[in-house]
Amino acid sequence: MAQIHHFDHGWITPTVSYLLSVLGSLLGLTLAVRFRTAKGSGERTWWLILSALAIGGTAIWSMHFVAMMGFSVTGTPIRYDVGLTAASAIIAIVAVGIGLSIALFGTRARNARVLTGGVIAGLGVAAMHYTGMAAMELNGEISYSATRVGMSIGIAVVAASVALWLAVTVHRPVVIFLSALVMGIAVNGMHFTGMSAMSVVQDDPAVTLKGATAAGLIVPIGLAVVFGIIGLAYALAAAPTEEDRAAAAYLAARREAGTTGVIPRQPGPDGVADARRGPSSLGGSSWTYRDRSNR
């Protein structure tokens, strides 16, 4: 039985992988909030796609790849099938996207939708993990412990269900941040549980392996992840919020009512509507009242 190392570079790879999973979860949950406040179906679909990219691509798949950078087997090099590696990324994004669409679209039976979406997304995440493992080429025979494989799939389903429940409920920044920290632990827990299920019986070390090295993939994948995160952050920063829309509508109403001298109601910070009248014909004085009828 060959000796397996999961932390070949010390705590660098698990630390970076955890930070990536937290960052992806943070972006994904924030994008899910934008989905819930979106007005049209096209806008909702846009935020859903971005949320799936953030959670499936950054929080889950890029975490998996970075963690694999610290994986080694004594006595054999490791190569990666580029096609299967890319397929594992697509599986993660699509599975999370399907789970999010089930959980977020609709207003009835929320818990049932979250559970259904969580099972589908969790199974997809597990499929991503083991597809990524199947992409490995090494001089040895790989086998898995059925018990630990089952545990990793169970963790994936639970983690995905919790992630979807958070996506449809949380909205406060502090809660989103704390939720991302928990999601990061769950995603990494699933990955390393699945990795612990693996064992290798070494073969002839003279066999030439095909595929790319992890070091050769780190540059293109790293650039894709960095630009992807920047793009997601820019999409969040550039898109108008509910407050921006309300302010724009208020200013537009002011321009339309400018000739009457009556300024339309503007929601205050406490939800109380304010109404003001512009300069009057009597000495240019003005007056203000607070309408509390809606409190």
C-alpha atoms as a PDB file:
ATOM      1  CA  MET A   1       0.000   0.000   0.000  1.00  0.00           C
ATOM      2  CA  ALA A   2       1.516   3.333  -1.083  1.00  0.00           C
ATOM      3  CA  GLN A   3       1.793   6.142   1.427  1.00  0.00           C
ATOM      4  CA  ILE A   4      -0.561   9.078   0.773  1.00  0.00           C
ATOM      5  CA  HIS A   5       0.057  12.677   1.829  1.00  0.00           C
ATOM      6  CA  HIS A   6      -2.834  15.171   1.894  1.00  0.00           C
ATOM      7  CA  PHE A   7      -0.815  18.150   3.143  1.00  0.00           C
ATOM      8  CA  ASP A   8       2.367  17.872   1.123  1.00  0.00           C
ATOM      9  CA  HIS A   9       2.929  21.648   1.330  1.00  0.00           C
ATOM     10  CA  GLY A  10       1.947  21.951   4.968  1.00  0.00           C
ATOM     11  CA  TRP A  11      -1.036  24.133   5.908  1.00  0.00           C
ATOM     12  CA  ILE A  12      -0.712  26.415   2.874  1.00  0.00           C
ATOM     13  CA  THR A  13      -3.057  24.490   0.579  1.00  0.00           C
ATOM     14  CA  PRO A  14      -5.829  23.791   3.155  1.00  0.00           C
ATOM     15  CA  THR A  15      -5.700  27.412   4.318  1.00  0.00           C
ATOM     16  CA  VAL A  16      -5.971  28.805   0.775  1.00  0.00           C
ATOM     17  CA  SER A  17      -8.689  26.299  -0.117  1.00  0.00           C
ATOM     18  CA  TYR A  18     -10.712  27.312   2.957  1.00  0.00           C
ATOM     19  CA  LEU A  19     -10.355  31.015   2.149  1.00  0.00           C
ATOM     20  CA  LEU A  20     -11.504  30.343  -1.422  1.00  0.00           C
ATOM     21  CA  SER A  21     -14.545  28.422  -0.219  1.00  0.00           C
ATOM     22  CA  VAL A  22     -15.452  31.211   2.211  1.00  0.00           C
ATOM     23  CA  LEU A  23     -15.001  33.911  -0.450  1.00  0.00           C
ATOM     24  CA  GLY A  24     -17.049  31.976  -2.994  1.00  0.00           C
ATOM     25  CA  SER A  25     -19.791  31.341  -0.436  1.00  0.00           C
ATOM     26  CA  LEU A  26     -19.805  35.010   0.569  1.00  0.00           C
ATOM     27  CA  LEU A  27     -20.217  36.122  -3.036  1.00  0.00           C
ATOM     28  CA  GLY A  28     -22.779  33.420  -3.782  1.00  0.00           C
ATOM     29  CA  LEU A  29     -25.008  34.260  -0.814  1.00  0.00           C
ATOM     30  CA  THR A  30     -24.804  37.989  -1.582  1.00  0.00           C
ATOM     31  CA  LEU A  31     -25.775  37.294  -5.196  1.00  0.00           C
ATOM     32  CA  ALA A  32     -28.693  35.185  -3.937  1.00  0.00           C
ATOM     33  CA  VAL A  33     -29.905  38.220  -1.975  1.00  0.00           C
ATOM     34  CA  ARG A  34     -29.862  40.205  -5.213  1.00  0.00           C
ATOM     35  CA  PHE A  35     -31.900  37.416  -6.824  1.00  0.00           C
ATOM     36  CA  ARG A  36     -34.588  37.766  -4.166  1.00  0.00           C
ATOM     37  CA  THR A  37     -34.854  41.529  -4.703  1.00  0.00           C
ATOM     38  CA  ALA A  38     -34.760  41.382  -8.513  1.00  0.00           C
ATOM     39  CA  LYS A  39     -37.859  42.541 -10.374  1.00  0.00           C
ATOM     40  CA  GLY A  40     -37.978  40.611 -13.660  1.00  0.00           C
ATOM     41  CA  SER A  41     -37.327  36.980 -14.627  1.00  0.00           C
ATOM     42  CA  GLY A  42     -34.364  37.960 -16.796  1.00  0.00           C
ATOM     43  CA  GLU A  43     -32.687  39.759 -13.897  1.00  0.00           C
ATOM     44  CA  ARG A  44     -33.365  36.813 -11.581  1.00  0.00           C
ATOM     45  CA  THR A  45     -31.831  34.399 -14.079  1.00  0.00           C
ATOM     46  CA  TRP A  46     -28.733  36.609 -14.304  1.00  0.00           C
ATOM     47  CA  TRP A  47     -28.209  36.612 -10.523  1.00  0.00           C
ATOM     48  CA  LEU A  48     -28.902  32.866 -10.371  1.00  0.00           C
ATOM     49  CA  ILE A  49     -26.158  32.140 -12.926  1.00  0.00           C
ATOM     50  CA  LEU A  50     -23.680  34.351 -11.094  1.00  0.00           C
ATOM     51  CA  SER A  51     -24.541  32.747  -7.756  1.00  0.00           C
ATOM     52  CA  ALA A  52     -24.009  29.269  -9.233  1.00  0.00           C
ATOM     53  CA  LEU A  53     -20.631  30.360 -10.608  1.00  0.00           C
ATOM     54  CA  ALA A  54     -19.619  31.784  -7.233  1.00  0.00           C
ATOM     55  CA  ILE A  55     -20.669  28.793  -5.139  1.00  0.00           C
ATOM     56  CA  GLY A  56     -20.115  25.960  -7.605  1.00  0.00           C
ATOM     57  CA  GLY A  57     -17.045  27.379  -9.332  1.00  0.00           C
ATOM     58  CA  THR A  58     -15.207  29.241  -6.571  1.00  0.00           C
ATOM     59  CA  ALA A  59     -16.459  27.913  -3.227  1.00  0.00           C
ATOM     60  CA  ILE A  60     -16.502  24.255  -4.279  1.00  0.00           C
ATOM     61  CA  TRP A  61     -14.476  23.446  -7.386  1.00  0.00           C
ATOM     62  CA  SER A  62     -11.543  25.857  -7.011  1.00  0.00           C
ATOM     63  CA  MET A  63     -11.309  24.812  -3.348  1.00  0.00           C
ATOM     64  CA  HIS A  64     -11.097  21.190  -4.521  1.00  0.00           C
ATOM     65  CA  PHE A  65      -8.351  21.946  -7.035  1.00  0.00           C
ATOM     66  CA  VAL A  66      -6.232  23.963  -4.601  1.00  0.00           C
ATOM     67  CA  ALA A  67      -6.547  21.247  -1.956  1.00  0.00           C
ATOM     68  CA  MET A  68      -5.376  18.703  -4.550  1.00  0.00           C
ATOM     69  CA  MET A  69      -2.175  20.710  -4.951  1.00  0.00           C
ATOM     70  CA  GLY A  70      -1.148  19.357  -1.552  1.00  0.00           C
ATOM     71  CA  PHE A  71      -1.979  15.743  -2.459  1.00  0.00           C
ATOM     72  CA  SER A  72       0.839  13.315  -3.277  1.00  0.00           C
ATOM     73  CA  VAL A  73       1.538   9.596  -3.321  1.00  0.00           C
ATOM     74  CA  THR A  74       4.961   8.320  -2.354  1.00  0.00           C
ATOM     75  CA  GLY A  75       6.854   6.746  -5.254  1.00  0.00           C
ATOM     76  CA  THR A  76       4.772   8.056  -8.139  1.00  0.00           C
ATOM     77  CA  PRO A  77       4.174  11.358  -9.929  1.00  0.00           C
ATOM     78  CA  ILE A  78       0.597  12.536 -10.497  1.00  0.00           C
ATOM     79  CA  ARG A  79      -0.852  13.826 -13.743  1.00  0.00           C
ATOM     80  CA  TYR A  80      -4.336  15.161 -14.515  1.00  0.00           C
ATOM     81  CA  ASP A  81      -6.617  14.542 -17.476  1.00  0.00           C
ATOM     82  CA  VAL A  82      -7.498  18.070 -18.614  1.00  0.00           C
ATOM     83  CA  GLY A  83     -10.868  17.060 -20.085  1.00  0.00           C
ATOM     84  CA  LEU A  84     -12.085  15.337 -16.927  1.00  0.00           C
ATOM     85  CA  THR A  85     -10.765  18.202 -14.791  1.00  0.00           C
ATOM     86  CA  ALA A  86     -12.783  20.692 -16.837  1.00  0.00           C
ATOM     87  CA  ALA A  87     -15.811  18.387 -16.711  1.00  0.00           C
ATOM     88  CA  SER A  88     -15.647  18.312 -12.914  1.00  0.00           C
ATOM     89  CA  ALA A  89     -15.863  22.122 -12.836  1.00  0.00           C
ATOM     90  CA  ILE A  90     -18.880  22.119 -15.155  1.00  0.00           C
ATOM     91  CA  ILE A  91     -20.608  19.452 -13.029  1.00  0.00           C
ATOM     92  CA  ALA A  92     -20.190  21.538  -9.879  1.00  0.00           C
ATOM     93  CA  ILE A  93     -21.548  24.737 -11.450  1.00  0.00           C
ATOM     94  CA  VAL A  94     -24.499  23.044 -13.166  1.00  0.00           C
ATOM     95  CA  ALA A  95     -25.452  21.028 -10.067  1.00  0.00           C
ATOM     96  CA  VAL A  96     -25.401  24.111  -7.843  1.00  0.00           C
ATOM     97  CA  GLY A  97     -27.335  26.069 -10.473  1.00  0.00           C
ATOM     98  CA  ILE A  98     -30.071  23.433 -10.578  1.00  0.00           C
ATOM     99  CA  GLY A  99     -30.254  23.334  -6.794  1.00  0.00           C
ATOM    100  CA  LEU A 100     -30.476  27.123  -6.571  1.00  0.00           C
ATOM    101  CA  SER A 101     -33.179  27.316  -9.232  1.00  0.00           C
ATOM    102  CA  ILE A 102     -35.307  24.761  -7.376  1.00  0.00           C
ATOM    103  CA  ALA A 103     -34.846  26.522  -4.045  1.00  0.00           C
ATOM    104  CA  LEU A 104     -35.172  30.134  -5.198  1.00  0.00           C
ATOM    105  CA  PHE A 105     -37.888  30.003  -7.871  1.00  0.00           C
ATOM    106  CA  GLY A 106     -41.345  29.745  -6.384  1.00  0.00           C
ATOM    107  CA  THR A 107     -43.079  30.789  -3.177  1.00  0.00           C
ATOM    108  CA  ARG A 108     -44.743  27.597  -1.899  1.00  0.00           C
ATOM    109  CA  ALA A 109     -43.292  24.607  -0.002  1.00  0.00           C
ATOM    110  CA  ARG A 110     -39.986  26.349   0.585  1.00  0.00           C
ATOM    111  CA  ASN A 111     -38.550  23.678   2.855  1.00  0.00           C
ATOM    112  CA  ALA A 112     -39.394  20.900   0.395  1.00  0.00           C
ATOM    113  CA  ARG A 113     -37.811  22.857  -2.442  1.00  0.00           C
ATOM    114  CA  VAL A 114     -34.667  23.505  -0.389  1.00  0.00           C
ATOM    115  CA  LEU A 115     -34.384  19.811   0.505  1.00  0.00           C
ATOM    116  CA  THR A 116     -34.929  18.673  -3.084  1.00  0.00           C
ATOM    117  CA  GLY A 117     -32.443  21.201  -4.415  1.00  0.00           C
ATOM    118  CA  GLY A 118     -29.974  20.251  -1.674  1.00  0.00           C
ATOM    119  CA  VAL A 119     -30.082  16.564  -2.587  1.00  0.00           C
ATOM    120  CA  ILE A 120     -29.533  17.313  -6.281  1.00  0.00           C
ATOM    121  CA  ALA A 121     -26.769  19.852  -5.626  1.00  0.00           C
ATOM    122  CA  GLY A 122     -25.106  17.607  -3.023  1.00  0.00           C
ATOM    123  CA  LEU A 123     -25.047  14.616  -5.348  1.00  0.00           C
ATOM    124  CA  GLY A 124     -23.637  16.886  -8.048  1.00  0.00           C
ATOM    125  CA  VAL A 125     -20.899  18.123  -5.716  1.00  0.00           C
ATOM    126  CA  ALA A 126     -19.985  14.533  -4.845  1.00  0.00           C
ATOM    127  CA  ALA A 127     -19.944  13.680  -8.559  1.00  0.00           C
ATOM    128  CA  MET A 128     -17.634  16.655  -9.121  1.00  0.00           C
ATOM    129  CA  HIS A 129     -15.245  15.425  -6.421  1.00  0.00           C
ATOM    130  CA  TYR A 130     -14.978  11.871  -7.707  1.00  0.00           C
ATOM    131  CA  THR A 131     -14.789  13.030 -11.330  1.00  0.00           C
ATOM    132  CA  GLY A 132     -11.830  15.172 -10.294  1.00  0.00           C
ATOM    133  CA  MET A 133     -10.308  12.135  -8.582  1.00  0.00           C
ATOM    134  CA  ALA A 134     -10.879  10.043 -11.723  1.00  0.00           C
ATOM    135  CA  ALA A 135      -8.895  12.668 -13.638  1.00  0.00           C
ATOM    136  CA  MET A 136      -5.760  11.680 -11.708  1.00  0.00           C
ATOM    137  CA  GLU A 137      -3.190   9.482 -13.440  1.00  0.00           C
ATOM    138  CA  LEU A 138      -0.563   7.769 -11.282  1.00  0.00           C
ATOM    139  CA  ASN A 139       1.462   4.563 -11.163  1.00  0.00           C
ATOM    140  CA  GLY A 140      -0.900   2.654  -8.941  1.00  0.00           C
ATOM    141  CA  GLU A 141      -4.325   1.135  -8.493  1.00  0.00           C
ATOM    142  CA  ILE A 142      -6.798   3.436  -6.734  1.00  0.00           C
ATOM    143  CA  SER A 143      -9.536   2.052  -4.492  1.00  0.00           C
ATOM    144  CA  TYR A 144     -12.046   3.657  -2.136  1.00  0.00           C
ATOM    145  CA  SER A 145     -13.594   2.811   1.215  1.00  0.00           C
ATOM    146  CA  ALA A 146     -17.339   2.520   0.639  1.00  0.00           C
ATOM    147  CA  THR A 147     -18.095   3.762   4.156  1.00  0.00           C
ATOM    148  CA  ARG A 148     -16.103   6.956   3.796  1.00  0.00           C
ATOM    149  CA  VAL A 149     -17.427   7.550   0.289  1.00  0.00           C
ATOM    150  CA  GLY A 150     -20.935   7.336   1.714  1.00  0.00           C
ATOM    151  CA  MET A 151     -19.974   9.737   4.498  1.00  0.00           C
ATOM    152  CA  SER A 152     -18.593  12.248   1.986  1.00  0.00           C
ATOM    153  CA  ILE A 153     -21.786  12.068  -0.085  1.00  0.00           C
ATOM    154  CA  GLY A 154     -23.886  12.577   3.044  1.00  0.00           C
ATOM    155  CA  ILE A 155     -21.801  15.608   4.040  1.00  0.00           C
ATOM    156  CA  ALA A 156     -22.162  16.998   0.513  1.00  0.00           C
ATOM    157  CA  VAL A 157     -25.965  16.686   0.588  1.00  0.00           C
ATOM    158  CA  VAL A 158     -26.247  18.242   4.061  1.00  0.00           C
ATOM    159  CA  ALA A 159     -23.824  21.053   3.166  1.00  0.00           C
ATOM    160  CA  ALA A 160     -25.685  21.788  -0.079  1.00  0.00           C
ATOM    161  CA  SER A 161     -29.048  21.823   1.705  1.00  0.00           C
ATOM    162  CA  VAL A 162     -27.745  24.219   4.344  1.00  0.00           C
ATOM    163  CA  ALA A 163     -26.239  26.425   1.634  1.00  0.00           C
ATOM    164  CA  LEU A 164     -29.575  26.594  -0.219  1.00  0.00           C
ATOM    165  CA  TRP A 165     -31.479  27.316   2.979  1.00  0.00           C
ATOM    166  CA  LEU A 166     -29.089  30.183   3.678  1.00  0.00           C
ATOM    167  CA  ALA A 167     -29.492  31.401   0.093  1.00  0.00           C
ATOM    168  CA  VAL A 168     -33.256  31.781   0.523  1.00  0.00           C
ATOM    169  CA  THR A 169     -33.252  33.217   4.058  1.00  0.00           C
ATOM    170  CA  VAL A 170     -30.222  35.340   5.013  1.00  0.00           C
ATOM    171  CA  HIS A 171     -29.920  38.984   3.989  1.00  0.00           C
ATOM    172  CA  ARG A 172     -27.935  40.818   6.680  1.00  0.00           C
ATOM    173  CA  PRO A 173     -24.209  41.224   5.857  1.00  0.00           C
ATOM    174  CA  VAL A 174     -23.034  39.932   9.251  1.00  0.00           C
ATOM    175  CA  VAL A 175     -25.185  36.806   8.966  1.00  0.00           C
ATOM    176  CA  ILE A 176     -24.001  36.236   5.388  1.00  0.00           C
ATOM    177  CA  PHE A 177     -20.375  36.449   6.518  1.00  0.00           C
ATOM    178  CA  LEU A 178     -20.888  33.998   9.388  1.00  0.00           C
ATOM    179  CA  SER A 179     -22.792  31.662   7.055  1.00  0.00           C
ATOM    180  CA  ALA A 180     -19.891  31.746   4.574  1.00  0.00           C
ATOM    181  CA  LEU A 181     -17.489  30.712   7.346  1.00  0.00           C
ATOM    182  CA  VAL A 182     -19.699  27.711   8.158  1.00  0.00           C
ATOM    183  CA  MET A 183     -20.093  26.792   4.479  1.00  0.00           C
ATOM    184  CA  GLY A 184     -16.322  26.873   4.063  1.00  0.00           C
ATOM    185  CA  ILE A 185     -15.945  24.319   6.868  1.00  0.00           C
ATOM    186  CA  ALA A 186     -18.617  22.083   5.331  1.00  0.00           C
ATOM    187  CA  VAL A 187     -17.119  22.165   1.828  1.00  0.00           C
ATOM    188  CA  ASN A 188     -13.616  21.386   3.088  1.00  0.00           C
ATOM    189  CA  GLY A 189     -14.983  18.690   5.378  1.00  0.00           C
ATOM    190  CA  MET A 190     -16.623  16.966   2.420  1.00  0.00           C
ATOM    191  CA  HIS A 191     -13.445  17.166   0.341  1.00  0.00           C
ATOM    192  CA  PHE A 192     -11.053  15.745   2.927  1.00  0.00           C
ATOM    193  CA  THR A 193     -13.538  13.052   3.989  1.00  0.00           C
ATOM    194  CA  GLY A 194     -13.690  11.932   0.364  1.00  0.00           C
ATOM    195  CA  MET A 195      -9.904  12.052   0.084  1.00  0.00           C
ATOM    196  CA  SER A 196      -9.503   9.926   3.216  1.00  0.00           C
ATOM    197  CA  ALA A 197     -11.543   7.199   1.489  1.00  0.00           C
ATOM    198  CA  MET A 198      -8.782   6.720  -1.091  1.00  0.00           C
ATOM    199  CA  SER A 199      -6.003   4.128  -1.009  1.00  0.00           C
ATOM    200  CA  VAL A 200      -3.341   3.296  -3.623  1.00  0.00           C
ATOM    201  CA  VAL A 201      -1.499   0.080  -4.444  1.00  0.00           C
ATOM    202  CA  GLN A 202       1.610   1.062  -6.379  1.00  0.00           C
ATOM    203  CA  ASP A 203       2.320  -0.397  -9.843  1.00  0.00           C
ATOM    204  CA  ASP A 204       5.373  -0.368 -12.090  1.00  0.00           C
ATOM    205  CA  PRO A 205       6.988   3.080 -11.672  1.00  0.00           C
ATOM    206  CA  ALA A 206       8.495   2.888 -15.164  1.00  0.00           C
ATOM    207  CA  VAL A 207       5.144   3.513 -16.864  1.00  0.00           C
ATOM    208  CA  THR A 208       4.971   6.929 -18.548  1.00  0.00           C
ATOM    209  CA  LEU A 209       2.004   8.954 -17.368  1.00  0.00           C
ATOM    210  CA  LYS A 210      -0.066  11.172 -19.632  1.00  0.00           C
ATOM    211  CA  GLY A 211      -1.720  14.420 -18.677  1.00  0.00           C
ATOM    212  CA  ALA A 212      -0.877  17.789 -17.139  1.00  0.00           C
ATOM    213  CA  THR A 213       0.876  18.400 -13.855  1.00  0.00           C
ATOM    214  CA  ALA A 214      -0.820  20.343 -11.071  1.00  0.00           C
ATOM    215  CA  ALA A 215       1.836  23.042 -11.443  1.00  0.00           C
ATOM    216  CA  GLY A 216       1.062  23.316 -15.135  1.00  0.00           C
ATOM    217  CA  LEU A 217      -2.658  23.788 -14.453  1.00  0.00           C
ATOM    218  CA  ILE A 218      -2.289  26.266 -11.605  1.00  0.00           C
ATOM    219  CA  VAL A 219      -1.583  29.282 -13.860  1.00  0.00           C
ATOM    220  CA  PRO A 220      -4.600  29.030 -16.230  1.00  0.00           C
ATOM    221  CA  ILE A 221      -6.946  27.906 -13.457  1.00  0.00           C
ATOM    222  CA  GLY A 222      -5.607  30.531 -11.056  1.00  0.00           C
ATOM    223  CA  LEU A 223      -6.115  33.298 -13.627  1.00  0.00           C
ATOM    224  CA  ALA A 224      -9.647  32.052 -14.363  1.00  0.00           C
ATOM    225  CA  VAL A 225     -10.516  32.062 -10.657  1.00  0.00           C
ATOM    226  CA  VAL A 226      -9.012  35.509 -10.018  1.00  0.00           C
ATOM    227  CA  PHE A 227     -10.751  37.138 -12.992  1.00  0.00           C
ATOM    228  CA  GLY A 228     -13.948  35.298 -12.141  1.00  0.00           C
ATOM    229  CA  ILE A 229     -13.942  36.684  -8.595  1.00  0.00           C
ATOM    230  CA  ILE A 230     -13.197  40.180  -9.889  1.00  0.00           C
ATOM    231  CA  GLY A 231     -16.045  39.887 -12.397  1.00  0.00           C
ATOM    232  CA  LEU A 232     -18.514  38.711  -9.746  1.00  0.00           C
ATOM    233  CA  ALA A 233     -17.489  41.502  -7.388  1.00  0.00           C
ATOM    234  CA  TYR A 234     -17.850  44.065 -10.178  1.00  0.00           C
ATOM    235  CA  ALA A 235     -21.306  42.752 -11.075  1.00  0.00           C
ATOM    236  CA  LEU A 236     -22.362  43.230  -7.456  1.00  0.00           C
ATOM    237  CA  ALA A 237     -20.865  46.707  -7.197  1.00  0.00           C
ATOM    238  CA  ALA A 238     -22.219  47.958 -10.525  1.00  0.00           C
ATOM    239  CA  ALA A 239     -25.788  46.697 -10.220  1.00  0.00           C
ATOM    240  CA  PRO A 240     -28.298  49.039  -8.535  1.00  0.00           C
ATOM    241  CA  THR A 241     -29.693  48.026  -5.152  1.00  0.00           C
ATOM    242  CA  GLU A 242     -33.260  48.492  -3.898  1.00  0.00           C
ATOM    243  CA  GLU A 243     -32.199  51.763  -2.257  1.00  0.00           C
ATOM    244  CA  ASP A 244     -30.693  52.957  -5.553  1.00  0.00           C
ATOM    245  CA  ARG A 245     -33.932  52.194  -7.410  1.00  0.00           C
ATOM    246  CA  ALA A 246     -36.035  53.956  -4.775  1.00  0.00           C
ATOM    247  CA  ALA A 247     -33.786  57.021  -4.906  1.00  0.00           C
ATOM    248  CA  ALA A 248     -33.907  57.129  -8.717  1.00  0.00           C
ATOM    249  CA  ALA A 249     -37.710  56.849  -8.688  1.00  0.00           C
ATOM    250  CA  TYR A 250     -37.938  59.619  -6.092  1.00  0.00           C
ATOM    251  CA  LEU A 251     -35.719  61.959  -8.102  1.00  0.00           C
ATOM    252  CA  ALA A 252     -37.691  61.223 -11.265  1.00  0.00           C
ATOM    253  CA  ALA A 253     -40.923  62.045  -9.430  1.00  0.00           C
ATOM    254  CA  ARG A 254     -39.410  65.288  -8.159  1.00  0.00           C
ATOM    255  CA  ARG A 255     -38.505  66.340 -11.686  1.00  0.00           C
ATOM    256  CA  GLU A 256     -42.019  65.579 -12.927  1.00  0.00           C
ATOM    257  CA  ALA A 257     -43.638  67.478 -10.043  1.00  0.00           C
ATOM    258  CA  GLY A 258     -41.213  70.408 -10.145  1.00  0.00           C
ATOM    259  CA  THR A 259     -43.749  72.812 -11.627  1.00  0.00           C
ATOM    260  CA  THR A 260     -46.251  72.230  -8.799  1.00  0.00           C
ATOM    261  CA  GLY A 261     -43.825  72.930  -5.987  1.00  0.00           C
ATOM    262  CA  VAL A 262     -44.872  69.726  -4.149  1.00  0.00           C
ATOM    263  CA  ILE A 263     -42.088  67.279  -3.447  1.00  0.00           C
ATOM    264  CA  PRO A 264     -43.234  63.641  -3.446  1.00  0.00           C
ATOM    265  CA  ARG A 265     -42.933  61.423  -0.415  1.00  0.00           C
ATOM    266  CA  GLN A 266     -39.528  59.958   0.326  1.00  0.00           C
ATOM    267  CA  PRO A 267     -39.097  56.953   2.634  1.00  0.00           C
ATOM    268  CA  GLY A 268     -37.014  57.892   5.642  1.00  0.00           C
ATOM    269  CA  PRO A 269     -34.559  55.628   7.447  1.00  0.00           C
ATOM    270  CA  ASP A 270     -37.260  54.633   9.938  1.00  0.00           C
ATOM    271  CA  GLY A 271     -39.838  53.925   7.234  1.00  0.00           C
ATOM    272  CA  VAL A 272     -41.803  57.113   7.974  1.00  0.00           C
ATOM    273  CA  ALA A 273     -42.759  59.054   4.867  1.00  0.00           C
ATOM    274  CA  ASP A 274     -41.688  62.703   4.689  1.00  0.00           C
ATOM    275  CA  ALA A 275     -43.400  65.287   2.507  1.00  0.00           C
ATOM    276  CA  ARG A 276     -42.116  68.775   1.868  1.00  0.00           C
ATOM    277  CA  ARG A 277     -43.437  71.782   0.065  1.00  0.00           C
ATOM    278  CA  GLY A 278     -41.090  74.089  -1.786  1.00  0.00           C
ATOM    279  CA  PRO A 279     -40.838  77.861  -1.341  1.00  0.00           C
ATOM    280  CA  SER A 280     -44.228  79.487  -1.112  1.00  0.00           C
ATOM    281  CA  SER A 281     -45.358  82.853  -2.395  1.00  0.00           C
ATOM    282  CA  LEU A 282     -45.411  84.245   1.163  1.00  0.00           C
ATOM    283  CA  GLY A 283     -41.877  85.341   1.847  1.00  0.00           C
ATOM    284  CA  GLY A 284     -40.292  82.172   0.507  1.00  0.00           C
ATOM    285  CA  SER A 285     -41.006  80.188   3.671  1.00  0.00           C
ATOM    286  CA  SER A 286     -41.360  76.443   3.573  1.00  0.00           C
ATOM    287  CA  TRP A 287     -43.020  73.826   5.735  1.00  0.00           C
ATOM    288  CA  THR A 288     -42.540  70.120   6.476  1.00  0.00           C
ATOM    289  CA  TYR A 289     -44.843  67.502   7.885  1.00  0.00           C
ATOM    290  CA  ARG A 290     -44.389  63.837   8.742  1.00  0.00           C
ATOM    291  CA  ASP A 291     -47.132  61.494   7.668  1.00  0.00           C
ATOM    292  CA  ARG A 292     -47.350  58.673  10.211  1.00  0.00           C
ATOM    293  CA  SER A 293     -50.470  57.091   8.851  1.00  0.00           C
ATOM    294  CA  ASN A 294     -48.563  54.045   7.588  1.00  0.00           C
ATOM    295  CA  ARG A 295     -46.781  53.281  10.866  1.00  0.00           C
END
